[in-house]
């Protein structure tokens, strides 16, 4: 059983973004949301975890669909 995320947990990620120069992305997980901000800046972006999951599933399905279409096209030639 996993531990529920009640207390905010913040980590510096290895991802870099260009926002007033190149900065690392700070990630905070609390409850059912992820809060993102560029290191050294105050502006935060909040993303719902359920939305992230469904977006990842949609992206995987789209990639699989494109691969099947490409394979179908190659078989026809």
Protein backbone atom coordinates (compact mmCIF):
# COMPACT_ATOMS: atom_id res chain seq x y z
CA UNK A 1 0.00 0.00 0.00
CA UNK A 2 1.36 3.41 -0.98
CA UNK A 3 1.57 6.37 1.36
CA UNK A 4 -1.02 9.07 0.57
CA UNK A 5 0.39 12.50 -0.32
CA UNK A 6 -1.03 14.73 2.39
CA UNK A 7 2.03 16.87 3.09
CA UNK A 8 3.54 18.81 0.17
CA UNK A 9 6.72 17.23 -1.21
CA UNK A 10 8.96 19.46 -3.35
CA UNK A 11 11.87 18.30 -5.51
CA UNK A 12 14.09 19.87 -8.14
CA UNK A 13 13.72 17.95 -11.40
CA UNK A 14 16.33 17.46 -14.09
CA UNK A 15 14.01 19.14 -16.64
CA UNK A 16 15.12 22.57 -17.82
CA UNK A 17 12.89 25.35 -19.15
CA UNK A 18 13.70 28.68 -20.72
CA UNK A 19 11.97 31.31 -18.59
CA UNK A 20 14.11 34.39 -18.02
CA UNK A 21 17.12 32.20 -18.74
CA UNK A 22 17.51 28.43 -18.41
CA UNK A 23 16.09 27.17 -15.11
CA UNK A 24 15.37 23.82 -13.50
CA UNK A 25 11.74 22.87 -12.92
CA UNK A 26 10.65 22.58 -9.29
CA UNK A 27 7.89 20.00 -8.73
CA UNK A 28 5.56 19.94 -5.72
CA UNK A 29 3.10 17.09 -5.22
CA UNK A 30 0.28 17.67 -2.77
CA UNK A 31 -3.00 15.81 -2.69
CA UNK A 32 -4.20 15.23 -6.23
CA UNK A 33 -2.27 18.01 -7.95
CA UNK A 34 1.22 18.75 -9.20
CA UNK A 35 2.52 22.29 -8.88
CA UNK A 36 5.30 23.28 -11.28
CA UNK A 37 7.52 26.37 -11.24
CA UNK A 38 10.82 27.48 -12.67
CA UNK A 39 13.53 27.56 -10.00
CA UNK A 40 13.98 31.06 -8.65
CA UNK A 41 10.60 32.31 -9.86
CA UNK A 42 7.32 32.59 -7.99
CA UNK A 43 4.82 31.85 -10.77
CA UNK A 44 3.29 28.38 -10.37
CA UNK A 45 1.37 26.19 -12.76
CA UNK A 46 -1.04 23.66 -11.24
CA UNK A 47 -1.99 20.42 -13.01
CA UNK A 48 -4.50 17.80 -11.85
CA UNK A 49 -2.95 14.32 -11.59
CA UNK A 50 -5.98 12.63 -13.14
CA UNK A 51 -5.65 14.93 -16.16
CA UNK A 52 -1.94 14.01 -16.46
CA UNK A 53 -2.80 10.31 -16.45
CA UNK A 54 -5.49 10.61 -19.12
CA UNK A 55 -3.27 12.84 -21.27
CA UNK A 56 -0.50 10.21 -21.09
CA UNK A 57 -2.96 7.45 -22.06
CA UNK A 58 -4.28 9.52 -25.00
CA UNK A 59 -0.71 10.16 -26.19
CA UNK A 60 0.21 6.44 -25.98
CA UNK A 61 -2.91 5.44 -27.91
CA UNK A 62 -2.21 8.07 -30.60
CA UNK A 63 1.37 6.78 -31.00
CA UNK A 64 0.19 3.17 -31.25
CA UNK A 65 -2.43 4.17 -33.83
CA UNK A 66 0.18 6.03 -35.92
CA UNK A 67 2.54 3.03 -35.77
CA UNK A 68 -0.23 0.68 -36.94
CA UNK A 69 -1.09 3.02 -39.82
CA UNK A 70 2.57 3.21 -40.83
CA UNK A 71 2.91 -0.59 -40.74
CA UNK A 72 -0.29 -0.94 -42.81
CA UNK A 73 1.07 1.50 -45.41
CA UNK A 74 4.38 -0.40 -45.62
CA UNK A 75 2.58 -3.75 -46.06
CA UNK A 76 0.53 -2.37 -48.96
CA UNK A 77 3.62 -1.33 -50.90
